[in-house]
């Protein structure tokens, strides 16, 4: 489903129809559970499913102080692959 503004590559996610205002906890919890379960996320909130580990960013190469340009280029190419 495309968003109303037609942004390519984006899609709209329906929001919870009830906003918690401090007095409507029962209605809010019911609608939040239905909404999050529909997004296949409820198990992460209840602890039934474990969140996947956060991906680690690759560490850029560090160059020895006496490295020449060829050595630096080789390390950089190895890092980029």
N, C-alpha and C. Protein backbone atom coordinates (compact mmCIF):
# COMPACT_ATOMS: atom_id res chain seq x y z
N UNK A 1 0.84 -1.18 0.00
CA UNK A 1 0.00 0.00 0.00
C UNK A 1 0.88 1.24 0.00
N UNK A 2 0.76 2.06 -0.99
CA UNK A 2 1.57 3.27 -1.11
C UNK A 2 1.05 4.35 -0.18
N UNK A 3 1.95 5.19 0.32
CA UNK A 3 1.50 6.29 1.19
C UNK A 3 0.74 7.33 0.36
N UNK A 4 -0.07 8.16 1.02
CA UNK A 4 -0.87 9.14 0.30
C UNK A 4 -0.04 10.12 -0.51
N UNK A 5 1.17 10.45 -0.05
CA UNK A 5 1.96 11.43 -0.79
C UNK A 5 2.71 10.80 -1.96
N UNK A 6 2.64 9.47 -2.12
CA UNK A 6 3.25 8.81 -3.27
C UNK A 6 4.75 8.65 -3.19
N UNK A 7 5.34 8.72 -2.00
CA UNK A 7 6.78 8.56 -1.84
C UNK A 7 7.19 7.18 -2.32
N UNK A 8 8.12 7.08 -3.28
CA UNK A 8 8.52 5.76 -3.77
C UNK A 8 9.32 5.00 -2.71
N UNK A 9 9.07 3.69 -2.62
CA UNK A 9 9.78 2.83 -1.70
C UNK A 9 9.29 2.90 -0.27
N UNK A 10 8.25 3.66 0.00
CA UNK A 10 7.72 3.79 1.35
C UNK A 10 6.31 3.25 1.39
N UNK A 11 5.88 2.85 2.54
CA UNK A 11 4.50 2.41 2.70
C UNK A 11 4.00 2.86 4.06
N UNK A 12 2.71 3.05 4.15
CA UNK A 12 2.14 3.53 5.40
C UNK A 12 1.83 2.36 6.31
N UNK A 13 1.99 2.59 7.59
CA UNK A 13 1.67 1.59 8.61
C UNK A 13 0.48 2.14 9.38
N UNK A 14 -0.59 1.37 9.48
CA UNK A 14 -1.75 1.89 10.21
C UNK A 14 -1.40 2.11 11.68
N UNK A 15 -1.96 3.15 12.25
CA UNK A 15 -1.68 3.45 13.65
C UNK A 15 -2.75 2.86 14.55
N UNK A 16 -2.46 2.83 15.83
CA UNK A 16 -3.41 2.33 16.82
C UNK A 16 -4.56 3.32 16.91
N UNK A 17 -5.81 2.86 16.84
CA UNK A 17 -6.93 3.79 16.83
C UNK A 17 -7.23 4.44 18.18
N UNK A 18 -6.62 3.95 19.25
CA UNK A 18 -6.86 4.51 20.58
C UNK A 18 -5.55 5.05 21.12
N UNK A 19 -5.55 6.29 21.55
CA UNK A 19 -4.37 6.90 22.15
C UNK A 19 -4.57 6.92 23.66
N UNK A 20 -3.56 6.43 24.38
CA UNK A 20 -3.67 6.37 25.84
C UNK A 20 -3.70 7.77 26.41
N UNK A 21 -4.74 8.03 27.23
CA UNK A 21 -4.89 9.36 27.83
C UNK A 21 -4.84 9.33 29.35
N UNK A 22 -4.47 8.19 29.93
CA UNK A 22 -4.38 8.08 31.38
C UNK A 22 -5.59 7.43 32.01
N UNK A 23 -6.72 7.36 31.29
CA UNK A 23 -7.92 6.78 31.86
C UNK A 23 -8.47 5.62 31.04
N UNK A 24 -7.95 5.39 29.85
CA UNK A 24 -8.50 4.37 28.95
C UNK A 24 -7.54 3.19 28.77
N UNK A 25 -6.90 2.75 29.86
CA UNK A 25 -5.89 1.70 29.77
C UNK A 25 -6.42 0.42 29.13
N UNK A 26 -7.60 -0.03 29.52
CA UNK A 26 -8.16 -1.27 28.98
C UNK A 26 -8.34 -1.23 27.48
N UNK A 27 -8.93 -0.15 26.98
CA UNK A 27 -9.13 0.00 25.53
C UNK A 27 -7.79 0.09 24.80
N UNK A 28 -6.87 0.87 25.39
CA UNK A 28 -5.57 1.06 24.76
C UNK A 28 -4.81 -0.27 24.65
N UNK A 29 -4.77 -1.04 25.72
CA UNK A 29 -4.04 -2.32 25.71
C UNK A 29 -4.63 -3.26 24.68
N UNK A 30 -5.94 -3.36 24.62
CA UNK A 30 -6.58 -4.24 23.66
C UNK A 30 -6.19 -3.86 22.23
N UNK A 31 -6.33 -2.58 21.90
CA UNK A 31 -6.03 -2.14 20.54
C UNK A 31 -4.53 -2.23 20.23
N UNK A 32 -3.68 -1.96 21.22
CA UNK A 32 -2.24 -2.06 21.00
C UNK A 32 -1.84 -3.51 20.74
N UNK A 33 -2.42 -4.44 21.48
CA UNK A 33 -2.10 -5.85 21.25
C UNK A 33 -2.53 -6.30 19.86
N UNK A 34 -3.74 -5.92 19.46
CA UNK A 34 -4.22 -6.28 18.12
C UNK A 34 -3.32 -5.67 17.05
N UNK A 35 -2.96 -4.41 17.23
CA UNK A 35 -2.11 -3.72 16.26
C UNK A 35 -0.72 -4.35 16.17
N UNK A 36 -0.08 -4.55 17.32
CA UNK A 36 1.28 -5.09 17.32
C UNK A 36 1.30 -6.54 16.87
N UNK A 37 0.26 -7.29 17.18
CA UNK A 37 0.19 -8.68 16.72
C UNK A 37 0.02 -8.71 15.20
N UNK A 38 -0.73 -7.77 14.66
CA UNK A 38 -0.89 -7.68 13.22
C UNK A 38 0.41 -7.32 12.51
N UNK A 39 1.30 -6.64 13.20
CA UNK A 39 2.61 -6.29 12.65
C UNK A 39 3.65 -7.37 12.97
N UNK A 40 3.21 -8.46 13.61
CA UNK A 40 4.07 -9.57 14.03
C UNK A 40 5.15 -9.12 15.01
N UNK A 41 4.79 -8.17 15.89
CA UNK A 41 5.74 -7.64 16.86
C UNK A 41 5.35 -7.89 18.31
N UNK A 42 4.16 -8.39 18.57
CA UNK A 42 3.69 -8.55 19.93
C UNK A 42 4.58 -9.49 20.74
N UNK A 43 5.07 -10.55 20.13
CA UNK A 43 5.93 -11.49 20.83
C UNK A 43 7.21 -10.86 21.34
N UNK A 44 7.72 -9.85 20.65
CA UNK A 44 8.92 -9.15 21.12
C UNK A 44 8.62 -8.33 22.36
N UNK A 45 7.40 -7.77 22.44
CA UNK A 45 7.04 -6.97 23.60
C UNK A 45 6.77 -7.83 24.83
N UNK A 46 6.22 -9.03 24.61
CA UNK A 46 5.91 -9.90 25.74
C UNK A 46 7.08 -10.75 26.17
N UNK A 47 8.12 -10.84 25.36
CA UNK A 47 9.28 -11.66 25.68
C UNK A 47 9.19 -13.07 25.12
N UNK A 48 8.12 -13.39 24.40
CA UNK A 48 7.99 -14.72 23.81
C UNK A 48 8.99 -14.91 22.67
N UNK A 49 9.37 -13.83 22.02
CA UNK A 49 10.37 -13.87 20.95
C UNK A 49 11.54 -13.00 21.38
N UNK A 50 12.74 -13.44 21.05
CA UNK A 50 13.94 -12.70 21.41
C UNK A 50 14.33 -11.81 20.24
N UNK A 51 14.66 -10.58 20.54
CA UNK A 51 15.06 -9.65 19.49
C UNK A 51 16.37 -10.12 18.87
N UNK A 52 16.49 -10.00 17.56
CA UNK A 52 17.75 -10.38 16.92
C UNK A 52 18.87 -9.44 17.38
N UNK A 53 20.11 -9.92 17.34
CA UNK A 53 21.20 -9.05 17.77
C UNK A 53 21.37 -7.87 16.83
N UNK A 54 21.83 -6.79 17.38
CA UNK A 54 22.07 -5.60 16.59
C UNK A 54 23.28 -5.84 15.69
N UNK A 55 23.19 -5.51 14.41
CA UNK A 55 24.35 -5.72 13.54
C UNK A 55 25.51 -4.82 13.94
N UNK A 56 26.71 -5.35 13.81
CA UNK A 56 27.90 -4.59 14.14
C UNK A 56 28.45 -3.94 12.87
N UNK A 57 28.83 -2.70 12.99
CA UNK A 57 29.42 -2.00 11.86
C UNK A 57 30.86 -2.47 11.68
N UNK A 58 31.29 -2.59 10.44
CA UNK A 58 32.69 -2.98 10.23
C UNK A 58 33.63 -1.88 10.72
N UNK A 59 34.76 -2.29 11.22
CA UNK A 59 35.76 -1.35 11.72
C UNK A 59 36.66 -0.91 10.57
N UNK A 60 36.75 0.39 10.34
CA UNK A 60 37.62 0.84 9.26
C UNK A 60 39.07 0.48 9.55
N UNK A 61 39.87 0.33 8.51
CA UNK A 61 41.27 -0.07 8.73
C UNK A 61 42.07 1.03 9.42
N UNK A 62 43.03 0.59 10.22
CA UNK A 62 44.00 1.53 10.79
C UNK A 62 45.33 1.26 10.12
N UNK A 63 46.00 2.31 9.79
CA UNK A 63 47.25 2.19 9.05
C UNK A 63 48.44 2.35 9.98
N UNK A 64 49.46 1.53 9.79
CA UNK A 64 50.69 1.75 10.55
C UNK A 64 51.29 3.10 10.18
N UNK A 65 52.01 3.73 11.08
CA UNK A 65 52.55 5.07 10.78
C UNK A 65 53.51 5.09 9.60
N UNK A 66 54.18 3.98 9.35
CA UNK A 66 55.16 3.98 8.27
C UNK A 66 54.62 3.34 6.98
N UNK A 67 53.29 3.17 6.85
CA UNK A 67 52.71 2.51 5.68
C UNK A 67 52.77 3.43 4.47
N UNK A 68 53.13 2.86 3.33
CA UNK A 68 53.14 3.63 2.10
C UNK A 68 51.75 3.59 1.46
N UNK A 69 51.57 4.31 0.36
CA UNK A 69 50.25 4.41 -0.28
C UNK A 69 49.76 3.06 -0.79
N UNK A 70 50.64 2.22 -1.29
CA UNK A 70 50.23 0.90 -1.79
C UNK A 70 49.66 0.04 -0.66
N UNK A 71 50.30 0.07 0.50
CA UNK A 71 49.82 -0.70 1.64
C UNK A 71 48.48 -0.16 2.13
N UNK A 72 48.35 1.16 2.14
CA UNK A 72 47.07 1.76 2.56
C UNK A 72 45.96 1.40 1.59
N UNK A 73 46.25 1.45 0.29
CA UNK A 73 45.24 1.09 -0.71
C UNK A 73 44.83 -0.37 -0.58
N UNK A 74 45.79 -1.25 -0.31
CA UNK A 74 45.47 -2.67 -0.15
C UNK A 74 44.57 -2.89 1.06
N UNK A 75 44.87 -2.22 2.17
CA UNK A 75 44.02 -2.34 3.36
C UNK A 75 42.63 -1.77 3.10
N UNK A 76 42.55 -0.66 2.41
CA UNK A 76 41.26 -0.05 2.11
C UNK A 76 40.43 -0.92 1.18
N UNK A 77 41.04 -1.52 0.17
CA UNK A 77 40.32 -2.41 -0.74
C UNK A 77 39.82 -3.65 0.00
N UNK A 78 40.63 -4.19 0.89
CA UNK A 78 40.20 -5.35 1.67
C UNK A 78 39.03 -4.99 2.56
N UNK A 79 39.04 -3.78 3.12
CA UNK A 79 37.93 -3.33 3.98
C UNK A 79 36.66 -3.16 3.17
N UNK A 80 36.75 -2.59 1.98
CA UNK A 80 35.56 -2.33 1.17
C UNK A 80 34.94 -3.61 0.63
N UNK A 81 35.74 -4.66 0.44
CA UNK A 81 35.16 -5.92 -0.04
C UNK A 81 34.54 -6.64 1.12
